[in-house]
Protein backbone atom coordinates (compact mmCIF):
# COMPACT_ATOMS: atom_id res chain seq x y z
CA MET A 1 -10.48 10.49 -26.19
CA LEU A 2 -8.74 7.66 -27.96
CA PRO A 3 -7.89 4.68 -25.71
CA ALA A 4 -4.12 5.37 -25.96
CA GLU A 5 -4.65 8.92 -24.73
CA GLU A 6 -6.80 7.74 -21.83
CA ILE A 7 -4.15 5.23 -20.81
CA ALA A 8 -1.31 7.75 -21.13
CA ARG A 9 -2.91 10.15 -18.67
CA ARG A 10 -3.44 7.52 -15.94
CA ARG A 11 -1.16 7.32 -12.92
CA THR A 12 -1.94 4.65 -10.31
CA PHE A 13 0.19 4.78 -7.18
CA ALA A 14 0.30 4.22 -3.44
CA ILE A 15 1.97 6.03 -0.56
CA ILE A 16 3.99 3.88 1.84
CA SER A 17 5.62 4.88 5.11
CA HIS A 18 6.31 4.02 8.69
CA PRO A 19 3.58 5.19 11.11
CA ASP A 20 3.78 8.91 11.94
CA ALA A 21 6.03 9.74 8.99
CA GLY A 22 3.30 11.97 7.55
CA LYS A 23 1.55 9.74 5.01
CA THR A 24 -1.99 10.88 5.78
CA THR A 25 -0.96 14.54 5.80
CA LEU A 26 0.78 14.16 2.44
CA THR A 27 -2.30 12.40 1.04
CA GLU A 28 -4.54 15.27 2.05
CA LYS A 29 -2.18 17.85 0.57
CA LEU A 30 -2.05 15.96 -2.73
CA LEU A 31 -5.83 16.01 -2.83
CA LEU A 32 -5.73 19.79 -2.52
CA TYR A 33 -4.07 20.04 -5.91
CA GLY A 34 -6.74 17.84 -7.45
CA GLY A 35 -9.49 20.06 -6.05
CA ALA A 36 -10.75 17.10 -4.02
CA THR A 37 -10.91 19.02 -0.76
CA GLN A 38 -10.83 22.55 0.50
CA LEU A 39 -9.53 21.67 3.93
CA ALA A 40 -6.60 19.59 5.10
CA GLY A 41 -4.26 18.95 7.94
CA THR A 42 -6.13 19.70 11.17
CA VAL A 43 -8.51 17.72 13.33
CA GLY A 44 -11.18 20.36 12.78
CA ALA A 45 -10.72 20.12 9.03
CA ARG A 46 -11.13 16.36 9.10
CA LYS A 47 -14.40 16.67 10.96
CA ALA A 48 -15.63 19.26 8.50
CA GLN A 49 -14.93 17.22 5.39
CA ARG A 50 -15.88 13.64 4.87
CA ALA A 51 -14.12 12.94 1.61
CA ALA A 52 -10.70 14.37 2.44
CA THR A 53 -9.68 11.62 4.77
CA SER A 54 -9.26 8.03 3.65
CA ASP A 55 -9.67 6.65 7.19
CA TRP A 56 -13.39 5.99 6.97
CA MET A 57 -13.83 3.08 9.35
CA GLU A 58 -15.02 4.04 12.82
CA LEU A 59 -12.24 2.05 14.48
CA GLU A 60 -9.69 3.97 12.41
CA LYS A 61 -11.13 7.26 13.64
CA LYS A 62 -10.94 6.10 17.26
CA ARG A 63 -7.40 4.78 16.94
CA GLY A 64 -6.16 7.61 14.69
CA ILE A 65 -4.61 5.16 12.26
CA SER A 66 -5.30 3.72 8.82
CA ILE A 67 -6.45 0.10 9.02
CA THR A 68 -7.88 -0.63 5.59
CA SER A 69 -6.79 0.50 2.16
CA THR A 70 -9.03 2.83 0.20
CA VAL A 71 -9.05 4.38 -3.25
CA LEU A 72 -8.89 8.10 -3.95
CA GLN A 73 -9.30 9.24 -7.56
CA PHE A 74 -8.75 12.83 -8.68
CA ASP A 75 -7.59 14.90 -11.66
CA TYR A 76 -4.60 17.22 -11.85
CA ARG A 77 -2.82 18.81 -14.85
CA GLY A 78 -4.87 16.72 -17.26
CA TYR A 79 -3.86 13.47 -15.52
CA ARG A 80 -6.27 11.04 -13.86
CA LEU A 81 -4.66 9.93 -10.59
CA ASN A 82 -5.68 6.79 -8.72
CA LEU A 83 -4.18 7.00 -5.24
CA LEU A 84 -4.44 3.79 -3.26
CA ASP A 85 -4.03 4.67 0.39
CA THR A 86 -2.42 1.91 2.42
CA PRO A 87 -2.64 1.12 6.13
CA GLY A 88 -0.08 3.05 8.15
CA HIS A 89 -0.14 1.22 11.47
CA ARG A 90 2.60 -0.96 12.90
CA ASP A 91 0.69 -4.23 12.54
CA PHE A 92 -0.19 -3.98 8.88
CA SER A 93 -1.92 -6.83 7.09
CA GLU A 94 -1.74 -8.66 3.81
CA ASP A 95 -4.12 -5.97 2.55
CA THR A 96 -1.16 -3.59 2.50
CA TYR A 97 0.92 -5.94 0.39
CA ARG A 98 -1.90 -6.65 -2.04
CA VAL A 99 -2.47 -2.99 -2.73
CA LEU A 100 1.12 -2.82 -3.98
CA THR A 101 0.25 -5.38 -6.68
CA ALA A 102 -2.35 -2.99 -8.11
CA VAL A 103 -0.15 0.11 -8.48
CA ASP A 104 2.40 1.23 -11.06
CA ALA A 105 4.54 3.33 -8.67
CA VAL A 106 4.84 4.31 -5.01
CA ILE A 107 5.77 7.40 -3.06
CA MET A 108 7.81 6.50 0.00
CA VAL A 109 7.53 8.99 2.87
CA ILE A 110 10.41 9.13 5.35
CA ASP A 111 10.55 11.16 8.54
CA ALA A 112 13.81 13.11 8.04
CA GLY A 113 14.37 13.12 11.79
CA LYS A 114 14.22 9.31 12.08
CA GLY A 115 15.38 7.96 8.75
CA ILE A 116 14.40 4.51 7.52
CA GLU A 117 12.34 2.54 10.02
CA THR A 118 11.25 -1.10 10.19
CA GLN A 119 7.89 -0.70 8.48
CA THR A 120 9.44 1.28 5.64
CA ARG A 121 11.97 -1.47 5.07
CA LYS A 122 9.30 -4.19 4.86
CA LEU A 123 7.11 -2.30 2.44
CA PHE A 124 10.09 -1.28 0.32
CA GLU A 125 11.14 -4.91 0.03
CA VAL A 126 7.75 -5.84 -1.45
CA CYS A 127 8.11 -3.01 -3.97
CA ARG A 128 11.63 -4.05 -4.87
CA GLN A 129 10.60 -7.67 -5.48
CA ARG A 130 8.00 -6.43 -7.96
CA GLY A 131 10.25 -3.80 -9.58
CA VAL A 132 7.84 -0.99 -8.69
CA PRO A 133 9.27 2.54 -9.27
CA ILE A 134 9.79 4.41 -5.99
CA PHE A 135 9.75 8.17 -5.40
CA THR A 136 11.02 9.33 -2.00
CA PHE A 137 9.76 12.30 0.01
CA MET A 138 11.93 13.32 2.98
CA ASN A 139 9.30 14.88 5.23
CA LYS A 140 9.39 17.22 8.24
CA MET A 141 12.45 19.18 7.09
CA ASP A 142 11.30 22.16 9.18
CA ARG A 143 11.90 20.10 12.33
CA PRO A 144 15.17 18.73 13.71
CA THR A 145 16.46 16.22 11.16
CA ARG A 146 19.35 13.95 10.42
CA GLU A 147 22.00 15.19 8.00
CA PRO A 148 20.63 15.11 4.43
CA LEU A 149 23.71 13.29 3.11
CA ALA A 150 23.27 10.67 5.85
CA LEU A 151 19.64 10.17 4.77
CA LEU A 152 20.76 9.58 1.18
CA ASP A 153 23.46 7.18 2.31
CA GLU A 154 20.90 5.24 4.33
CA LEU A 155 18.69 4.82 1.27
CA GLU A 156 21.58 3.22 -0.55
CA SER A 157 23.12 1.20 2.30
CA VAL A 158 19.95 -0.03 4.05
CA LEU A 159 17.50 -0.31 1.16
CA GLY A 160 20.05 -0.94 -1.57
CA ILE A 161 18.60 1.58 -4.00
CA ALA A 162 20.48 4.38 -5.75
CA ALA A 163 19.27 7.85 -4.78
CA PHE A 164 19.14 10.99 -6.89
CA PRO A 165 18.08 14.15 -4.99
CA VAL A 166 16.02 16.19 -7.45
CA ASN A 167 16.09 19.07 -5.01
CA TRP A 168 18.29 19.81 -2.00
CA PRO A 169 17.39 21.37 1.36
CA LEU A 170 18.71 24.81 2.23
CA GLY A 171 19.20 24.34 5.93
CA THR A 172 17.31 21.93 8.19
CA GLY A 173 15.15 22.18 11.29
CA PHE A 174 14.75 25.73 12.52
CA GLU A 175 17.27 26.83 9.89
CA PHE A 176 15.25 25.35 7.01
CA ARG A 177 14.74 28.02 4.34
CA GLY A 178 13.65 26.01 1.29
CA VAL A 179 15.05 23.77 -1.43
CA PHE A 180 17.24 24.17 -4.48
CA ASP A 181 15.96 22.41 -7.63
CA ARG A 182 19.17 20.92 -9.03
CA GLN A 183 17.90 20.40 -12.57
CA ALA A 184 15.64 23.43 -13.04
CA LYS A 185 18.17 25.71 -11.27
CA ALA A 186 15.45 27.32 -9.15
CA VAL A 187 15.19 28.10 -5.45
CA HIS A 188 11.91 27.46 -3.67
CA LEU A 189 11.85 29.46 -0.45
CA PHE A 190 10.15 28.64 2.82
CA GLU A 191 9.06 31.46 5.11
CA ARG A 192 8.83 30.46 8.75
CA LEU A 193 5.74 31.96 10.36
CA PRO A 194 4.31 31.74 13.88
CA GLY A 195 2.68 28.35 14.19
CA GLY A 196 3.90 27.06 10.83
CA GLY A 197 5.36 28.19 7.55
CA ALA A 198 4.53 29.39 4.06
CA TYR A 199 5.68 28.63 0.55
CA VAL A 200 7.20 31.45 -1.51
CA ALA A 201 7.11 31.43 -5.32
CA PRO A 202 10.27 29.93 -6.89
CA VAL A 203 13.13 32.17 -7.92
CA ASN A 204 15.25 31.23 -10.95
CA VAL A 205 18.95 31.35 -10.16
CA THR A 206 22.14 30.29 -11.87
CA ASP A 207 23.54 28.72 -8.71
CA LEU A 208 23.59 29.19 -4.95
CA ALA A 209 25.81 32.26 -5.28
CA ASP A 210 22.69 34.26 -6.13
CA PRO A 211 22.30 37.12 -3.58
CA ILE A 212 18.74 36.14 -2.68
CA VAL A 213 19.96 32.74 -1.46
CA LYS A 214 22.77 34.24 0.62
CA GLU A 215 20.30 36.69 2.10
CA LYS A 216 17.92 33.95 3.29
CA LEU A 217 20.46 31.58 4.85
CA ASP A 218 22.79 32.22 7.73
CA PRO A 219 26.48 31.90 6.76
CA ASP A 220 26.99 28.42 8.26
CA ALA A 221 23.86 26.94 6.66
CA TYR A 222 24.76 28.54 3.33
CA ALA A 223 28.32 27.19 3.39
CA ARG A 224 27.07 23.71 4.30
CA ALA A 225 24.51 23.70 1.44
CA VAL A 226 27.15 24.79 -1.08
CA GLU A 227 29.56 22.10 0.11
CA GLU A 228 26.90 19.35 0.02
CA LEU A 229 25.80 20.27 -3.49
CA GLU A 230 29.39 20.24 -4.71
CA MET A 231 29.81 16.76 -3.23
CA LEU A 232 26.67 15.57 -5.01
CA GLU A 233 27.90 16.92 -8.33
CA ILE A 234 31.25 15.17 -7.92
CA ALA A 235 30.31 11.87 -6.28
CA GLY A 236 26.51 11.64 -6.54
CA ALA A 237 24.56 9.38 -8.88
CA GLU A 238 23.49 10.59 -12.31
CA TYR A 239 19.77 10.68 -12.97
CA ASP A 240 18.63 7.84 -15.23
CA GLN A 241 14.96 7.59 -16.19
CA ALA A 242 15.13 3.94 -17.22
CA THR A 243 16.72 3.00 -13.91
CA VAL A 244 14.00 4.89 -12.03
CA LEU A 245 11.24 3.07 -13.92
CA ALA A 246 12.98 -0.25 -13.18
CA GLY A 247 12.78 0.51 -9.46
CA LYS A 248 16.56 0.68 -9.05
CA GLN A 249 16.95 4.43 -8.55
CA THR A 250 14.71 6.69 -6.49
CA PRO A 251 14.25 10.43 -7.13
CA VAL A 252 14.39 12.17 -3.74
CA PHE A 253 12.48 15.29 -2.70
CA PHE A 254 12.68 17.30 0.53
CA GLY A 255 9.87 19.25 2.16
CA SER A 256 7.23 19.59 4.86
CA ALA A 257 3.82 18.06 4.14
CA MET A 258 2.27 19.73 7.18
CA ASN A 259 3.18 23.15 5.77
CA ASN A 260 2.44 22.11 2.17
CA PHE A 261 6.03 22.84 1.22
CA GLY A 262 7.60 20.73 -1.50
CA VAL A 263 4.38 18.79 -2.12
CA GLN A 264 3.61 20.35 -5.49
CA LEU A 265 7.25 19.90 -6.51
CA LEU A 266 6.89 16.23 -5.64
CA LEU A 267 3.58 15.84 -7.47
CA ASP A 268 4.68 17.65 -10.63
CA ASN A 269 7.92 15.70 -10.83
CA PHE A 270 6.13 12.44 -10.11
CA LEU A 271 3.80 13.01 -13.06
CA ASP A 272 6.69 13.97 -15.35
CA ARG A 273 8.98 11.10 -14.32
CA SER A 274 6.56 8.19 -13.72
CA ALA A 275 5.05 5.97 -16.39
CA PRO A 276 1.46 5.20 -17.40
CA PRO A 277 0.04 1.71 -16.85
CA GLY A 278 2.15 -1.01 -18.43
CA ALA A 279 1.72 -4.62 -19.51
CA ARG A 280 0.91 -7.38 -17.03
CA VAL A 281 1.85 -11.05 -17.28
CA ALA A 282 -0.97 -13.59 -17.61
CA GLY A 283 -1.27 -17.35 -17.70
CA ALA A 284 1.20 -20.18 -17.37
CA ASP A 285 2.92 -19.06 -20.57
CA HIS A 286 3.67 -15.65 -19.01
CA GLU A 287 2.09 -13.80 -21.90
CA GLU A 288 2.29 -10.02 -21.61
CA ILE A 289 -1.07 -8.30 -21.90
CA PRO A 290 -0.56 -4.63 -22.86
CA PRO A 291 -3.05 -2.03 -21.63
CA THR A 292 -3.88 -1.24 -25.27
CA ASN A 293 -5.25 -4.76 -25.78
CA PRO A 294 -8.86 -4.11 -26.85
CA ASP A 295 -10.26 -6.92 -24.69
CA PHE A 296 -11.14 -5.89 -21.15
CA SER A 297 -9.29 -7.63 -18.31
CA GLY A 298 -8.62 -6.94 -14.66
CA PHE A 299 -8.02 -8.64 -11.33
CA VAL A 300 -9.53 -8.41 -7.84
CA PHE A 301 -6.93 -7.22 -5.35
CA LYS A 302 -9.15 -6.34 -2.38
CA ILE A 303 -12.56 -7.15 -0.96
CA GLN A 304 -14.26 -4.99 1.65
CA ALA A 305 -17.59 -5.72 3.33
CA ASN A 306 -19.93 -3.15 4.85
CA MET A 307 -18.28 -0.01 3.53
CA ASP A 308 -21.83 1.35 3.52
CA PRO A 309 -23.32 0.35 6.92
CA ARG A 310 -26.81 1.17 5.65
CA HIS A 311 -26.74 -1.59 3.06
CA ARG A 312 -24.33 -4.22 4.46
CA ASP A 313 -22.89 -4.66 0.99
CA ARG A 314 -19.68 -6.25 -0.23
CA ILE A 315 -17.41 -4.55 -2.70
CA ALA A 316 -14.65 -6.08 -4.82
CA PHE A 317 -11.87 -3.71 -5.91
CA VAL A 318 -10.72 -4.46 -9.46
CA ARG A 319 -7.62 -3.06 -11.11
CA VAL A 320 -8.31 -2.59 -14.82
CA VAL A 321 -5.36 -4.00 -16.80
CA SER A 322 -6.44 -3.81 -20.43
CA GLY A 323 -9.25 -2.69 -22.68
CA ARG A 324 -12.18 -0.56 -21.64
CA PHE A 325 -14.56 -1.30 -18.79
CA ASP A 326 -18.21 -0.52 -19.54
CA ARG A 327 -20.94 -0.77 -16.94
CA ASP A 328 -23.26 -3.72 -17.57
CA MET A 329 -20.63 -5.51 -19.66
CA GLN A 330 -20.39 -9.31 -19.54
CA VAL A 331 -17.08 -10.97 -18.65
CA THR A 332 -15.71 -14.37 -17.66
CA HIS A 333 -14.96 -15.05 -14.00
CA SER A 334 -11.71 -17.04 -14.30
CA ARG A 335 -12.03 -19.20 -11.19
CA THR A 336 -15.52 -20.51 -11.97
CA GLY A 337 -15.50 -20.12 -15.76
CA LYS A 338 -18.94 -18.51 -15.56
CA LYS A 339 -20.13 -15.44 -17.40
CA VAL A 340 -21.06 -12.54 -15.10
CA ARG A 341 -22.61 -9.15 -15.80
CA LEU A 342 -20.90 -6.16 -14.16
CA SER A 343 -23.87 -3.87 -13.69
CA ASN A 344 -23.34 -2.48 -10.18
CA ALA A 345 -20.03 -0.65 -10.66
CA HIS A 346 -18.77 2.33 -8.70
CA ARG A 347 -15.97 4.84 -8.76
CA LEU A 348 -14.72 5.32 -5.23
CA PHE A 349 -13.48 8.17 -3.15
CA ALA A 350 -12.82 6.73 0.31
CA GLN A 351 -16.31 5.89 1.61
CA ASP A 352 -18.12 7.94 -1.02
CA ARG A 353 -19.02 6.36 -4.32
CA GLU A 354 -20.66 7.17 -7.63
CA THR A 355 -21.79 5.00 -10.50
CA VAL A 356 -19.10 4.51 -13.10
CA GLU A 357 -20.03 4.10 -16.75
CA GLU A 358 -16.54 3.45 -18.10
CA ALA A 359 -12.99 2.94 -16.89
CA TRP A 360 -9.58 2.48 -18.49
CA PRO A 361 -6.34 0.63 -17.66
CA GLY A 362 -4.96 1.91 -14.37
CA ASP A 363 -8.39 2.75 -12.95
CA ILE A 364 -9.88 1.00 -9.94
CA VAL A 365 -13.51 -0.10 -10.19
CA GLY A 366 -15.61 -1.17 -7.21
CA LEU A 367 -18.02 -4.01 -8.01
CA VAL A 368 -20.88 -4.49 -5.58
CA GLY A 369 -22.93 -7.60 -4.90
CA HIS A 370 -20.76 -10.41 -6.29
CA SER A 371 -20.28 -12.85 -3.43
CA GLU A 372 -18.53 -15.28 -5.78
CA PHE A 373 -15.56 -12.96 -6.35
CA GLY A 374 -12.41 -13.65 -4.34
CA ILE A 375 -8.99 -12.11 -3.87
CA GLY A 376 -6.85 -12.71 -6.96
CA ASP A 377 -9.71 -13.57 -9.33
CA THR A 378 -9.41 -12.45 -12.95
CA LEU A 379 -12.33 -10.87 -14.81
CA SER A 380 -11.82 -10.76 -18.56
CA ALA A 381 -13.52 -10.68 -21.93
CA ASP A 382 -11.06 -13.36 -23.07
CA PRO A 383 -11.39 -16.49 -20.86
CA ALA A 384 -7.80 -17.44 -21.68
CA VAL A 385 -6.43 -14.39 -19.81
CA VAL A 386 -5.74 -15.22 -16.15
CA TYR A 387 -3.54 -13.06 -13.92
CA HIS A 388 -1.51 -14.34 -10.97
CA GLU A 389 -0.74 -11.00 -9.36
CA ILE A 390 -1.72 -11.62 -5.74
CA PRO A 391 0.99 -13.05 -3.45
CA ARG A 392 0.34 -14.86 -0.19
CA PHE A 393 2.36 -14.26 2.94
CA PRO A 394 3.06 -16.62 5.84
CA PRO A 395 1.24 -15.57 9.04
CA GLU A 396 3.12 -14.49 12.14
CA VAL A 397 0.40 -14.43 14.84
CA PHE A 398 -2.33 -16.94 15.73
CA ALA A 399 -5.44 -16.88 17.93
CA PHE A 400 -8.62 -18.86 18.57
CA LEU A 401 -11.82 -16.88 18.14
CA HIS A 402 -14.64 -18.05 20.41
CA ASN A 403 -18.35 -17.30 20.17
CA PRO A 404 -19.45 -16.58 23.77
CA ASN A 405 -23.13 -16.28 22.85
CA THR A 406 -24.62 -19.45 21.33
CA GLY A 407 -27.77 -17.53 20.48
CA LYS A 408 -25.73 -15.43 18.06
CA PHE A 409 -24.08 -18.37 16.30
CA LYS A 410 -25.59 -17.56 12.91
CA GLN A 411 -24.45 -13.92 13.02
CA PHE A 412 -21.01 -14.97 14.29
CA ARG A 413 -20.50 -17.58 11.57
CA GLN A 414 -21.87 -15.45 8.75
CA GLY A 415 -19.85 -12.40 9.81
CA LEU A 416 -16.61 -14.36 10.20
CA ASP A 417 -17.05 -16.08 6.83
CA GLN A 418 -17.56 -12.75 5.08
CA LEU A 419 -14.62 -11.11 6.81
CA LEU A 420 -12.34 -14.05 5.95
CA GLN A 421 -13.31 -13.60 2.30
CA GLU A 422 -11.68 -10.18 2.44
CA GLY A 423 -8.35 -11.94 2.82
CA VAL A 424 -7.00 -9.95 5.75
CA MET A 425 -6.25 -13.19 7.60
CA GLN A 426 -6.20 -16.94 7.18
CA VAL A 427 -8.00 -19.74 9.00
CA PHE A 428 -6.54 -23.12 10.01
CA HIS A 429 -8.05 -26.34 11.38
CA LEU A 430 -6.01 -28.48 13.77
CA ALA A 431 -5.72 -32.01 12.43
CA ASP A 432 -6.16 -33.83 15.76
CA SER A 433 -8.84 -31.61 17.30
CA LEU A 434 -12.60 -32.06 17.42
CA SER A 435 -13.10 -28.42 18.34
CA LYS A 436 -14.84 -26.25 15.77
CA VAL A 437 -13.37 -23.04 17.20
CA PRO A 438 -11.60 -21.32 14.28
CA LEU A 439 -7.87 -20.77 14.52
CA LEU A 440 -7.14 -17.43 12.88
CA ALA A 441 -3.72 -16.41 11.55
CA ALA A 442 -2.57 -13.00 10.42
CA VAL A 443 0.51 -10.99 9.52
CA GLY A 444 -0.12 -8.50 12.36
CA PRO A 445 -2.10 -8.81 15.63
CA LEU A 446 -4.12 -5.66 15.01
CA GLN A 447 -6.15 -7.66 12.49
CA PHE A 448 -7.66 -9.67 15.35
CA GLU A 449 -8.91 -6.47 16.97
CA VAL A 450 -10.34 -5.34 13.64
CA VAL A 451 -12.22 -8.63 13.15
CA GLN A 452 -13.64 -8.53 16.68
CA TYR A 453 -14.70 -4.91 16.33
CA ARG A 454 -16.35 -5.48 12.97
CA LEU A 455 -18.09 -8.67 14.09
CA GLU A 456 -19.75 -6.76 16.90
CA THR A 457 -20.53 -3.49 15.13
CA GLU A 458 -21.50 -4.87 11.71
CA TYR A 459 -23.03 -8.25 12.57
CA GLY A 460 -24.06 -7.88 16.21
CA ALA A 461 -21.89 -10.81 17.30
CA ALA A 462 -19.55 -10.55 20.28
CA SER A 463 -16.41 -12.70 20.36
CA ARG A 464 -13.64 -13.76 22.70
CA LEU A 465 -10.03 -14.00 21.59
CA GLU A 466 -7.66 -16.65 22.95
CA THR A 467 -4.03 -16.19 21.99
CA ALA A 468 -2.48 -19.30 20.43
CA PRO A 469 1.17 -20.27 21.09
CA TRP A 470 2.38 -20.53 17.49
CA GLN A 471 4.53 -17.98 15.69
CA ALA A 472 4.96 -19.47 12.24
CA ALA A 473 3.22 -21.73 9.75
CA LYS A 474 5.01 -23.79 7.13
CA TRP A 475 3.26 -25.83 4.47
CA LEU A 476 3.98 -29.41 3.45
CA PRO A 477 4.11 -30.74 -0.12
CA PRO A 478 0.82 -32.26 -1.33
CA GLY A 479 0.53 -35.94 -0.49
CA THR A 480 2.83 -35.80 2.55
CA ASP A 481 1.99 -38.58 5.04
CA THR A 482 1.61 -36.53 8.22
CA THR A 483 1.06 -39.62 10.40
CA ILE A 484 4.74 -40.59 10.24
CA LEU A 485 6.16 -37.18 11.08
CA LYS A 486 8.11 -36.71 14.30
CA LEU A 487 6.72 -33.62 16.03
CA PRO A 488 8.61 -31.60 18.64
CA THR A 489 6.71 -30.45 21.71
CA ASP A 490 3.90 -27.96 20.95
CA VAL A 491 4.26 -28.38 17.18
CA ARG A 492 0.90 -29.17 15.52
CA ILE A 493 -0.31 -30.35 12.14
CA ALA A 494 -3.11 -28.30 10.61
CA THR A 495 -4.88 -27.68 7.31
CA ASP A 496 -5.63 -24.30 5.80
CA ALA A 497 -8.92 -23.12 4.30
CA VAL A 498 -8.46 -25.17 1.13
CA GLY A 499 -7.20 -28.30 2.91
CA ALA A 500 -3.48 -27.87 2.28
CA PRO A 501 -1.38 -29.46 5.08
CA ALA A 502 0.74 -27.19 7.25
CA VAL A 503 2.89 -27.33 10.37
CA LEU A 504 2.52 -24.78 13.16
CA PHE A 505 5.66 -23.85 15.12
CA PRO A 506 5.87 -21.97 18.45
CA ASN A 507 9.43 -20.71 17.80
CA ASP A 508 12.47 -20.95 15.54
CA TRP A 509 14.09 -23.68 17.64
CA THR A 510 11.22 -26.13 17.16
CA GLN A 511 11.26 -25.46 13.43
CA ARG A 512 14.98 -26.25 13.21
CA TYR A 513 14.50 -29.39 15.33
CA PHE A 514 11.60 -30.53 13.14
CA THR A 515 13.90 -30.31 10.11
CA GLU A 516 16.58 -32.32 11.92
CA VAL A 517 14.26 -35.18 12.87
CA ASN A 518 12.37 -35.10 9.54
CA PRO A 519 15.28 -34.48 7.12
CA ASN A 520 13.40 -35.64 4.02
CA VAL A 521 10.34 -33.46 4.58
CA PRO A 522 10.63 -30.03 2.96
CA LEU A 523 8.90 -27.06 4.59
CA LEU A 524 7.33 -24.52 2.26
CA ASP A 525 6.77 -20.85 3.01
CA LEU A 526 3.50 -21.01 1.08
CA PRO A 527 1.24 -23.81 -0.20
CA THR A 528 1.89 -25.12 -3.71
């Protein structure tokens, strides 16, 4: 294939949701259409198939949640899909945010019975800041739900994004009988069966007055569906492809992932309405690098150690931005300026991997054995191309991590250093302390549990966690004389991993008071 054709058939996306909205179930159903798995949806099925689930880490299996982000690549309808699965737990990490820098679109899953929840709002905000196109799947329509019009209104009022329902539910909860495709003028019927439901082949209709629709719905549900669709035609938003691709309008789909209803409608429409990989901005001059640029370039958005416990390796996930990746090619590592050979390259499917010979813009390549690679590093054939795609986020929780076994100091230190390189948390050093106990900081407290678990299981080093009293970190401008600062009670000066000065605050009040007594000292959300 010509490079342009390879690029045009790529779709790189992530699924975001609040916990329990059905993200993992939807992921497994999408894989069905790519022939990636024969089983999905039940505990027994997950045990029987290793590749179908993206939750490969043992702790994830025990907790029943997604902790790390993994890559799932599969083909469907001639497209090559790169699905980046994101953590779905309450205390997500920076890893979740970083994944969103590597995708070209997202599918947002909402529990139709609960509407928009806190986690959804946070993840959506990251997408909106980056202008990432968003496709919405209203899940669990075969269970008690909120009114469909209320769900649409919430998208617009809470998230501030225009909504265009591509299809519309015919009934909800126990009265759910399918969806009406507003543009294709087709009815997709849902047969309720004992213990679940089944999808019935679509029926082309001119409108809801078709006898087959009246026959399937009870009179009240039918009248309500007709009224709602009339309201949408009169007062609803018009579909606009450019607005969708700008991330300002979301196509909305209704269905039930558990029963595999509406999933193919979502996938087919997503492929038809989303865009292939686009240009990325590089360098201080904000030069746009198109995917068709013949020179290879990409950036590291994630690092994961010990994905294969047999080899204790370290893998850097690289999003290909431009050109063609060839195994054993030589590129420039932007941060060090050194030439490196990319010989140990893999295509990933959760924990499974295979050697990759070539990759194109939009693909994710796993590079093994490069300890010098860090989060945000650019790899490129042209040394002048440097991407600044990876954001940093201020931590919200802090804790000291002690080594209770001095005989295991080497394992403890080596394990912690490697895990910190993955970027799931930050480390600070208190300015007026002689203690060498690391102060860890993260976006969510679950990351502390993950680090402790992995230290013990992967490096044989036990640890003890001591909760620290701070709730926020703010950075100071370079060169700030910290010795003259007036510090409220329990406020401490610290430096981060690269020596940038920061102030640790136990609550909002102390932060406001610090600003009052140090009016000429600006506080920065992130280091400059």
